[in-house]
């Protein structure tokens, strides 16, 4: 080979060198491209899990405030009904009392309010005086006893009576059929008094019937009143002999 000239061998060597350099350069570029590709590629499953596995939000029920708390509904209970106090209308309804007409028979027990209390202590508290005649008309249970005897010798009677007419023309009638009385502890028949009546008038809340001069007796009932759903009346009977009896009425 002549110095200064390239032989075939030199040319081949030069090609090989150039090709090697090119491959190195190309290989470096390939690896770089591959890394970039790997970096740009889709993340792996573990990466995806790491990225997508976010803390799960815990949903809590809103705390119930006292105002929002459900309060059990109260159980309704039936309240006792109040009994209204007697009114004037209720008092007028006593006109329809038909004790005698319906065959009702009074007993001594109907008058314990008088024999045990009022006779000794006077009128009770809380009464309502009756001043209208329309409120006293009709049937009553009646009781009489001697006012001057304080022993078993007294004369006791209980029977039915009736007040009728109007305030200026009152008729006070005994209904004593089949009734008995007690005189000095002995039973007596008072049915003969049945239908006996006395005329008079009602004024200022007092009833006065009979006449000592013509009838031999006078009945004065000075207090008519209502208390606890009943009507009561008390008074006295004067006889021409000077003797007296207590009289008490009640209904129903």
C-alpha atoms as a PDB file:
ATOM      1  CA  UNK A   1       0.000   0.000   0.000  1.00  0.00           C
ATOM      2  CA  UNK A   2       1.321   3.381  -0.940  1.00  0.00           C
ATOM      3  CA  UNK A   3       1.674   5.903   1.941  1.00  0.00           C
ATOM      4  CA  UNK A   4      -0.826   8.701   1.711  1.00  0.00           C
ATOM      5  CA  UNK A   5      -3.430   6.724  -0.122  1.00  0.00           C
ATOM      6  CA  UNK A   6      -6.373   4.863   1.344  1.00  0.00           C
ATOM      7  CA  UNK A   7      -6.599   1.165   0.665  1.00  0.00           C
ATOM      8  CA  UNK A   8      -9.645  -0.950   0.653  1.00  0.00           C
ATOM      9  CA  UNK A   9      -8.870  -2.053   4.166  1.00  0.00           C
ATOM     10  CA  UNK A  10      -8.802   1.489   5.420  1.00  0.00           C
ATOM     11  CA  UNK A  11     -12.121   2.198   3.813  1.00  0.00           C
ATOM     12  CA  UNK A  12     -13.708  -0.837   5.394  1.00  0.00           C
ATOM     13  CA  UNK A  13     -12.297   0.073   8.789  1.00  0.00           C
ATOM     14  CA  UNK A  14     -13.592   3.582   8.474  1.00  0.00           C
ATOM     15  CA  UNK A  15     -17.068   2.308   7.596  1.00  0.00           C
ATOM     16  CA  UNK A  16     -17.059  -0.005  10.615  1.00  0.00           C
ATOM     17  CA  UNK A  17     -15.990   2.792  12.944  1.00  0.00           C
ATOM     18  CA  UNK A  18     -18.602   5.136  11.585  1.00  0.00           C
ATOM     19  CA  UNK A  19     -21.269   2.448  11.837  1.00  0.00           C
ATOM     20  CA  UNK A  20     -20.290   1.697  15.458  1.00  0.00           C
ATOM     21  CA  UNK A  21     -20.444   5.317  16.386  1.00  0.00           C
ATOM     22  CA  UNK A  22     -23.841   5.515  14.742  1.00  0.00           C
ATOM     23  CA  UNK A  23     -25.079   2.486  16.597  1.00  0.00           C
ATOM     24  CA  UNK A  24     -23.880   3.912  19.921  1.00  0.00           C
ATOM     25  CA  UNK A  25     -25.543   7.137  19.184  1.00  0.00           C
ATOM     26  CA  UNK A  26     -28.676   5.372  18.058  1.00  0.00           C
ATOM     27  CA  UNK A  27     -28.679   3.038  21.051  1.00  0.00           C
ATOM     28  CA  UNK A  28     -28.374   5.948  23.490  1.00  0.00           C
ATOM     29  CA  UNK A  29     -31.247   7.630  21.736  1.00  0.00           C
ATOM     30  CA  UNK A  30     -33.304   4.455  21.929  1.00  0.00           C
ATOM     31  CA  UNK A  31     -32.753   4.089  25.622  1.00  0.00           C
ATOM     32  CA  UNK A  32     -33.608   7.716  26.155  1.00  0.00           C
ATOM     33  CA  UNK A  33     -36.715   7.341  24.059  1.00  0.00           C
ATOM     34  CA  UNK A  34     -37.632   4.173  25.963  1.00  0.00           C
ATOM     35  CA  UNK A  35     -37.291   5.900  29.349  1.00  0.00           C
ATOM     36  CA  UNK A  36     -39.367   8.714  28.112  1.00  0.00           C
ATOM     37  CA  UNK A  37     -41.845   6.236  26.791  1.00  0.00           C
ATOM     38  CA  UNK A  38     -41.831   4.436  30.095  1.00  0.00           C
ATOM     39  CA  UNK A  39     -42.358   7.714  31.887  1.00  0.00           C
ATOM     40  CA  UNK A  40     -45.190   8.688  29.557  1.00  0.00           C
ATOM     41  CA  UNK A  41     -46.715   5.253  29.540  1.00  0.00           C
ATOM     42  CA  UNK A  42     -49.799   4.406  31.564  1.00  0.00           C
ATOM     43  CA  UNK A  43     -48.988   3.861  35.262  1.00  0.00           C
ATOM     44  CA  UNK A  44     -48.724   0.346  36.558  1.00  0.00           C
ATOM     45  CA  UNK A  45     -51.442  -1.316  38.606  1.00  0.00           C
ATOM     46  CA  UNK A  46     -49.617  -0.525  41.859  1.00  0.00           C
ATOM     47  CA  UNK A  47     -49.217   3.072  40.781  1.00  0.00           C
ATOM     48  CA  UNK A  48     -52.865   3.248  39.778  1.00  0.00           C
ATOM     49  CA  UNK A  49     -53.905   1.782  43.126  1.00  0.00           C
ATOM     50  CA  UNK A  50     -51.657   4.230  44.961  1.00  0.00           C
ATOM     51  CA  UNK A  51     -53.064   7.149  42.997  1.00  0.00           C
ATOM     52  CA  UNK A  52     -56.724   6.114  43.110  1.00  0.00           C
ATOM     53  CA  UNK A  53     -56.723   4.801  46.666  1.00  0.00           C
ATOM     54  CA  UNK A  54     -57.929   7.966  48.347  1.00  0.00           C
ATOM     55  CA  UNK A  55     -59.341   8.178  51.859  1.00  0.00           C
ATOM     56  CA  UNK A  56     -62.994   7.259  51.832  1.00  0.00           C
ATOM     57  CA  UNK A  57     -65.116  10.034  53.238  1.00  0.00           C
ATOM     58  CA  UNK A  58     -67.077   8.900  56.273  1.00  0.00           C
ATOM     59  CA  UNK A  59     -70.675  10.019  56.061  1.00  0.00           C
ATOM     60  CA  UNK A  60     -72.057  10.716  59.506  1.00  0.00           C
ATOM     61  CA  UNK A  61     -75.649  11.205  60.382  1.00  0.00           C
ATOM     62  CA  UNK A  62     -76.207  14.752  61.519  1.00  0.00           C
ATOM     63  CA  UNK A  63     -76.206  14.988  65.253  1.00  0.00           C
ATOM     64  CA  UNK A  64     -79.670  15.501  66.667  1.00  0.00           C
ATOM     65  CA  UNK A  65     -79.939  18.701  68.567  1.00  0.00           C
ATOM     66  CA  UNK A  66     -82.330  18.996  71.525  1.00  0.00           C
ATOM     67  CA  UNK A  67     -84.670  21.050  69.399  1.00  0.00           C
ATOM     68  CA  UNK A  68     -84.680  18.346  66.712  1.00  0.00           C
ATOM     69  CA  UNK A  69     -85.016  15.457  69.131  1.00  0.00           C
ATOM     70  CA  UNK A  70     -88.272  13.677  68.710  1.00  0.00           C
ATOM     71  CA  UNK A  71     -90.333  14.018  71.858  1.00  0.00           C
ATOM     72  CA  UNK A  72     -92.809  11.217  72.605  1.00  0.00           C
ATOM     73  CA  UNK A  73     -96.325  12.496  72.226  1.00  0.00           C
ATOM     74  CA  UNK A  74     -98.109  12.623  75.594  1.00  0.00           C
ATOM     75  CA  UNK A  75    -100.793  10.039  76.108  1.00  0.00           C
ATOM     76  CA  UNK A  76    -104.110  11.736  76.461  1.00  0.00           C
ATOM     77  CA  UNK A  77    -106.040  10.673  79.516  1.00  0.00           C
ATOM     78  CA  UNK A  78    -109.675  11.333  80.134  1.00  0.00           C
ATOM     79  CA  UNK A  79    -110.097  14.025  82.759  1.00  0.00           C
ATOM     80  CA  UNK A  80    -112.791  13.844  85.269  1.00  0.00           C
ATOM     81  CA  UNK A  81    -115.644  15.892  84.339  1.00  0.00           C
ATOM     82  CA  UNK A  82    -116.499  18.744  86.585  1.00  0.00           C
ATOM     83  CA  UNK A  83    -119.992  18.975  87.966  1.00  0.00           C
ATOM     84  CA  UNK A  84    -121.387  22.464  87.281  1.00  0.00           C
ATOM     85  CA  UNK A  85    -122.808  24.412  90.165  1.00  0.00           C
ATOM     86  CA  UNK A  86    -126.605  24.595  90.197  1.00  0.00           C
ATOM     87  CA  UNK A  87    -127.962  27.511  88.211  1.00  0.00           C
ATOM     88  CA  UNK A  88    -131.304  29.239  88.315  1.00  0.00           C
ATOM     89  CA  UNK A  89    -132.314  27.110  85.334  1.00  0.00           C
ATOM     90  CA  UNK A  90    -131.349  23.953  87.244  1.00  0.00           C
ATOM     91  CA  UNK A  91    -133.340  25.201  90.224  1.00  0.00           C
ATOM     92  CA  UNK A  92    -136.400  25.738  88.067  1.00  0.00           C
ATOM     93  CA  UNK A  93    -136.142  22.112  86.952  1.00  0.00           C
ATOM     94  CA  UNK A  94    -137.281  21.107  90.461  1.00  0.00           C
ATOM     95  CA  UNK A  95    -140.782  22.005  89.348  1.00  0.00           C
ATOM     96  CA  UNK A  96    -140.728  18.676  87.512  1.00  0.00           C
ATOM     97  CA  UNK A  97    -140.013  16.701  90.702  1.00  0.00           C
ATOM     98  CA  UNK A  98    -142.888  14.200  91.033  1.00  0.00           C
ATOM     99  CA  UNK A  99    -141.980  12.241  94.158  1.00  0.00           C
ATOM    100  CA  UNK A 100    -145.540  11.968  95.437  1.00  0.00           C
ATOM    101  CA  UNK A 101    -147.147  11.663  92.004  1.00  0.00           C
ATOM    102  CA  UNK A 102    -144.731   8.852  91.144  1.00  0.00           C
ATOM    103  CA  UNK A 103    -145.394   7.040  94.407  1.00  0.00           C
ATOM    104  CA  UNK A 104    -142.161   7.993  96.150  1.00  0.00           C
ATOM    105  CA  UNK A 105    -142.279   7.482  99.897  1.00  0.00           C
ATOM    106  CA  UNK A 106    -140.127   9.699 102.145  1.00  0.00           C
ATOM    107  CA  UNK A 107    -138.276   8.207 105.107  1.00  0.00           C
ATOM    108  CA  UNK A 108    -136.740   9.655 108.247  1.00  0.00           C
ATOM    109  CA  UNK A 109    -133.343   9.348 106.583  1.00  0.00           C
ATOM    110  CA  UNK A 110    -134.327  12.053 104.097  1.00  0.00           C
ATOM    111  CA  UNK A 111    -134.309  14.576 106.962  1.00  0.00           C
ATOM    112  CA  UNK A 112    -131.119  13.865 108.872  1.00  0.00           C
ATOM    113  CA  UNK A 113    -129.725  17.087 107.416  1.00  0.00           C
ATOM    114  CA  UNK A 114    -132.320  18.859 109.564  1.00  0.00           C
ATOM    115  CA  UNK A 115    -132.601  16.686 112.685  1.00  0.00           C
ATOM    116  CA  UNK A 116    -128.828  16.299 113.079  1.00  0.00           C
ATOM    117  CA  UNK A 117    -127.485  19.617 111.789  1.00  0.00           C
ATOM    118  CA  UNK A 118    -129.667  22.544 110.778  1.00  0.00           C
ATOM    119  CA  UNK A 119    -131.993  22.297 113.779  1.00  0.00           C
ATOM    120  CA  UNK A 120    -128.996  22.791 116.083  1.00  0.00           C
ATOM    121  CA  UNK A 121    -126.465  24.768 114.054  1.00  0.00           C
ATOM    122  CA  UNK A 122    -128.630  26.904 111.782  1.00  0.00           C
ATOM    123  CA  UNK A 123    -128.296  27.327 108.046  1.00  0.00           C
ATOM    124  CA  UNK A 124    -125.086  25.930 106.491  1.00  0.00           C
ATOM    125  CA  UNK A 125    -122.543  27.983 104.557  1.00  0.00           C
ATOM    126  CA  UNK A 126    -122.609  28.169 100.781  1.00  0.00           C
ATOM    127  CA  UNK A 127    -126.376  28.135 100.316  1.00  0.00           C
ATOM    128  CA  UNK A 128    -128.268  30.036  97.625  1.00  0.00           C
ATOM    129  CA  UNK A 129    -131.513  31.614  98.765  1.00  0.00           C
ATOM    130  CA  UNK A 130    -134.632  31.038  96.671  1.00  0.00           C
ATOM    131  CA  UNK A 131    -136.827  34.083  96.172  1.00  0.00           C
ATOM    132  CA  UNK A 132    -138.895  33.164  93.089  1.00  0.00           C
ATOM    133  CA  UNK A 133    -142.181  31.353  93.563  1.00  0.00           C
ATOM    134  CA  UNK A 134    -141.787  29.447  90.296  1.00  0.00           C
ATOM    135  CA  UNK A 135    -138.722  27.806  91.820  1.00  0.00           C
ATOM    136  CA  UNK A 136    -140.570  26.385  94.856  1.00  0.00           C
ATOM    137  CA  UNK A 137    -143.812  25.216  93.256  1.00  0.00           C
ATOM    138  CA  UNK A 138    -144.418  21.499  92.910  1.00  0.00           C
ATOM    139  CA  UNK A 139    -143.975  18.422  95.107  1.00  0.00           C
ATOM    140  CA  UNK A 140    -141.772  18.174  98.201  1.00  0.00           C
ATOM    141  CA  UNK A 141    -140.940  15.658 100.914  1.00  0.00           C
ATOM    142  CA  UNK A 142    -142.061  17.032 104.290  1.00  0.00           C
ATOM    143  CA  UNK A 143    -141.168  16.392 107.917  1.00  0.00           C
ATOM    144  CA  UNK A 144    -142.588  17.824 111.150  1.00  0.00           C
ATOM    145  CA  UNK A 145    -141.761  17.356 114.833  1.00  0.00           C
ATOM    146  CA  UNK A 146    -142.711  18.971 118.109  1.00  0.00           C
ATOM    147  CA  UNK A 147    -140.607  22.048 118.802  1.00  0.00           C
ATOM    148  CA  UNK A 148    -140.971  21.939 122.596  1.00  0.00           C
ATOM    149  CA  UNK A 149    -140.250  18.272 123.358  1.00  0.00           C
ATOM    150  CA  UNK A 150    -136.671  17.060 123.769  1.00  0.00           C
ATOM    151  CA  UNK A 151    -137.334  13.365 124.347  1.00  0.00           C
ATOM    152  CA  UNK A 152    -138.890  10.277 122.793  1.00  0.00           C
ATOM    153  CA  UNK A 153    -142.295  11.805 123.574  1.00  0.00           C
ATOM    154  CA  UNK A 154    -142.199  14.039 120.526  1.00  0.00           C
ATOM    155  CA  UNK A 155    -144.676  13.786 117.704  1.00  0.00           C
ATOM    156  CA  UNK A 156    -142.879  12.972 114.391  1.00  0.00           C
ATOM    157  CA  UNK A 157    -144.402  12.866 110.913  1.00  0.00           C
ATOM    158  CA  UNK A 158    -142.961  12.567 107.387  1.00  0.00           C
ATOM    159  CA  UNK A 159    -145.089  12.667 104.286  1.00  0.00           C
ATOM    160  CA  UNK A 160    -145.487  14.410 100.900  1.00  0.00           C
ATOM    161  CA  UNK A 161    -146.732  17.913 100.292  1.00  0.00           C
ATOM    162  CA  UNK A 162    -147.422  20.145  97.308  1.00  0.00           C
ATOM    163  CA  UNK A 163    -147.082  23.873  96.694  1.00  0.00           C
ATOM    164  CA  UNK A 164    -149.272  25.212  93.885  1.00  0.00           C
ATOM    165  CA  UNK A 165    -150.977  28.384  92.630  1.00  0.00           C
ATOM    166  CA  UNK A 166    -149.035  31.640  92.334  1.00  0.00           C
ATOM    167  CA  UNK A 167    -147.188  33.942  94.684  1.00  0.00           C
ATOM    168  CA  UNK A 168    -150.353  35.771  95.779  1.00  0.00           C
ATOM    169  CA  UNK A 169    -152.580  32.708  95.906  1.00  0.00           C
ATOM    170  CA  UNK A 170    -150.557  29.808  97.249  1.00  0.00           C
ATOM    171  CA  UNK A 171    -152.099  26.455  98.096  1.00  0.00           C
ATOM    172  CA  UNK A 172    -150.139  24.192 100.424  1.00  0.00           C
ATOM    173  CA  UNK A 173    -151.535  20.636 100.337  1.00  0.00           C
ATOM    174  CA  UNK A 174    -150.756  17.585 102.511  1.00  0.00           C
ATOM    175  CA  UNK A 175    -150.481  14.174 100.847  1.00  0.00           C
ATOM    176  CA  UNK A 176    -150.501  11.742 103.758  1.00  0.00           C
ATOM    177  CA  UNK A 177    -152.397   8.738 102.435  1.00  0.00           C
ATOM    178  CA  UNK A 178    -150.896   5.483 103.764  1.00  0.00           C
ATOM    179  CA  UNK A 179    -148.411   7.443 105.901  1.00  0.00           C
ATOM    180  CA  UNK A 180    -147.869   7.019 109.590  1.00  0.00           C
ATOM    181  CA  UNK A 181    -146.487   9.169 112.379  1.00  0.00           C
ATOM    182  CA  UNK A 182    -145.035   8.561 115.820  1.00  0.00           C
ATOM    183  CA  UNK A 183    -146.524  10.071 118.946  1.00  0.00           C
ATOM    184  CA  UNK A 184    -144.750   9.287 122.215  1.00  0.00           C
ATOM    185  CA  UNK A 185    -143.208   6.286 120.544  1.00  0.00           C
ATOM    186  CA  UNK A 186    -146.544   4.944 119.303  1.00  0.00           C
ATOM    187  CA  UNK A 187    -147.399   4.605 115.630  1.00  0.00           C
ATOM    188  CA  UNK A 188    -150.425   6.601 114.505  1.00  0.00           C
ATOM    189  CA  UNK A 189    -152.266   6.784 111.221  1.00  0.00           C
ATOM    190  CA  UNK A 190    -152.140  10.234 109.599  1.00  0.00           C
ATOM    191  CA  UNK A 191    -153.815   9.267 106.322  1.00  0.00           C
ATOM    192  CA  UNK A 192    -156.911  11.193 107.380  1.00  0.00           C
ATOM    193  CA  UNK A 193    -154.982  14.397 106.744  1.00  0.00           C
ATOM    194  CA  UNK A 194    -154.623  13.520 103.069  1.00  0.00           C
ATOM    195  CA  UNK A 195    -155.780  16.374 100.818  1.00  0.00           C
ATOM    196  CA  UNK A 196    -155.907  18.944 103.601  1.00  0.00           C
ATOM    197  CA  UNK A 197    -154.765  22.305 102.250  1.00  0.00           C
ATOM    198  CA  UNK A 198    -153.895  25.801 103.425  1.00  0.00           C
ATOM    199  CA  UNK A 199    -154.064  29.039 101.464  1.00  0.00           C
ATOM    200  CA  UNK A 200    -151.626  31.916 101.672  1.00  0.00           C
ATOM    201  CA  UNK A 201    -148.940  33.859  99.837  1.00  0.00           C
ATOM    202  CA  UNK A 202    -145.242  33.855  99.047  1.00  0.00           C
ATOM    203  CA  UNK A 203    -143.308  37.111  99.480  1.00  0.00           C
ATOM    204  CA  UNK A 204    -139.701  38.075 100.141  1.00  0.00           C
ATOM    205  CA  UNK A 205    -138.598  34.447 100.048  1.00  0.00           C
ATOM    206  CA  UNK A 206    -141.096  33.400 102.780  1.00  0.00           C
ATOM    207  CA  UNK A 207    -144.225  31.285 102.526  1.00  0.00           C
ATOM    208  CA  UNK A 208    -147.114  31.889 104.951  1.00  0.00           C
ATOM    209  CA  UNK A 209    -150.240  29.719 104.692  1.00  0.00           C
ATOM    210  CA  UNK A 210    -153.154  28.926 106.988  1.00  0.00           C
ATOM    211  CA  UNK A 211    -154.719  31.043 109.656  1.00  0.00           C
ATOM    212  CA  UNK A 212    -154.850  30.440 113.365  1.00  0.00           C
ATOM    213  CA  UNK A 213    -158.245  32.141 113.643  1.00  0.00           C
ATOM    214  CA  UNK A 214    -159.996  30.093 110.955  1.00  0.00           C
ATOM    215  CA  UNK A 215    -157.855  26.993 110.540  1.00  0.00           C
ATOM    216  CA  UNK A 216    -156.412  26.703 114.013  1.00  0.00           C
ATOM    217  CA  UNK A 217    -152.855  26.717 112.664  1.00  0.00           C
ATOM    218  CA  UNK A 218    -150.459  28.765 110.578  1.00  0.00           C
ATOM    219  CA  UNK A 219    -147.457  27.483 108.617  1.00  0.00           C
ATOM    220  CA  UNK A 220    -144.538  29.825 108.047  1.00  0.00           C
ATOM    221  CA  UNK A 221    -141.602  28.610 105.956  1.00  0.00           C
ATOM    222  CA  UNK A 222    -139.028  31.358 106.156  1.00  0.00           C
ATOM    223  CA  UNK A 223    -136.005  29.872 104.408  1.00  0.00           C
ATOM    224  CA  UNK A 224    -135.968  28.231 100.981  1.00  0.00           C
ATOM    225  CA  UNK A 225    -132.480  27.504  99.594  1.00  0.00           C
ATOM    226  CA  UNK A 226    -130.380  25.279  97.346  1.00  0.00           C
ATOM    227  CA  UNK A 227    -127.198  23.439  98.295  1.00  0.00           C
ATOM    228  CA  UNK A 228    -125.234  20.687  96.511  1.00  0.00           C
ATOM    229  CA  UNK A 229    -127.913  19.995  93.930  1.00  0.00           C
ATOM    230  CA  UNK A 230    -130.891  19.863  96.290  1.00  0.00           C
ATOM    231  CA  UNK A 231    -133.557  22.270  97.512  1.00  0.00           C
ATOM    232  CA  UNK A 232    -134.344  22.713 101.175  1.00  0.00           C
ATOM    233  CA  UNK A 233    -136.808  24.698 103.293  1.00  0.00           C
ATOM    234  CA  UNK A 234    -137.299  25.154 107.027  1.00  0.00           C
ATOM    235  CA  UNK A 235    -139.968  26.845 109.144  1.00  0.00           C
ATOM    236  CA  UNK A 236    -142.520  26.289 111.876  1.00  0.00           C
ATOM    237  CA  UNK A 237    -146.170  25.535 112.468  1.00  0.00           C
ATOM    238  CA  UNK A 238    -148.095  27.477 115.112  1.00  0.00           C
ATOM    239  CA  UNK A 239    -151.295  26.083 116.635  1.00  0.00           C
ATOM    240  CA  UNK A 240    -154.105  27.911 118.329  1.00  0.00           C
ATOM    241  CA  UNK A 241    -153.143  26.098 121.543  1.00  0.00           C
ATOM    242  CA  UNK A 242    -149.774  27.876 121.484  1.00  0.00           C
ATOM    243  CA  UNK A 243    -147.856  24.729 120.622  1.00  0.00           C
ATOM    244  CA  UNK A 244    -145.297  24.747 117.815  1.00  0.00           C
ATOM    245  CA  UNK A 245    -143.787  22.247 115.408  1.00  0.00           C
ATOM    246  CA  UNK A 246    -140.728  22.409 113.208  1.00  0.00           C
ATOM    247  CA  UNK A 247    -141.323  21.773 109.533  1.00  0.00           C
ATOM    248  CA  UNK A 248    -138.657  20.865 106.980  1.00  0.00           C
ATOM    249  CA  UNK A 249    -138.979  20.291 103.229  1.00  0.00           C
ATOM    250  CA  UNK A 250    -136.509  18.750 100.766  1.00  0.00           C
ATOM    251  CA  UNK A 251    -136.378  17.658  97.131  1.00  0.00           C
ATOM    252  CA  UNK A 252    -135.541  15.645  95.250  1.00  0.00           C
END
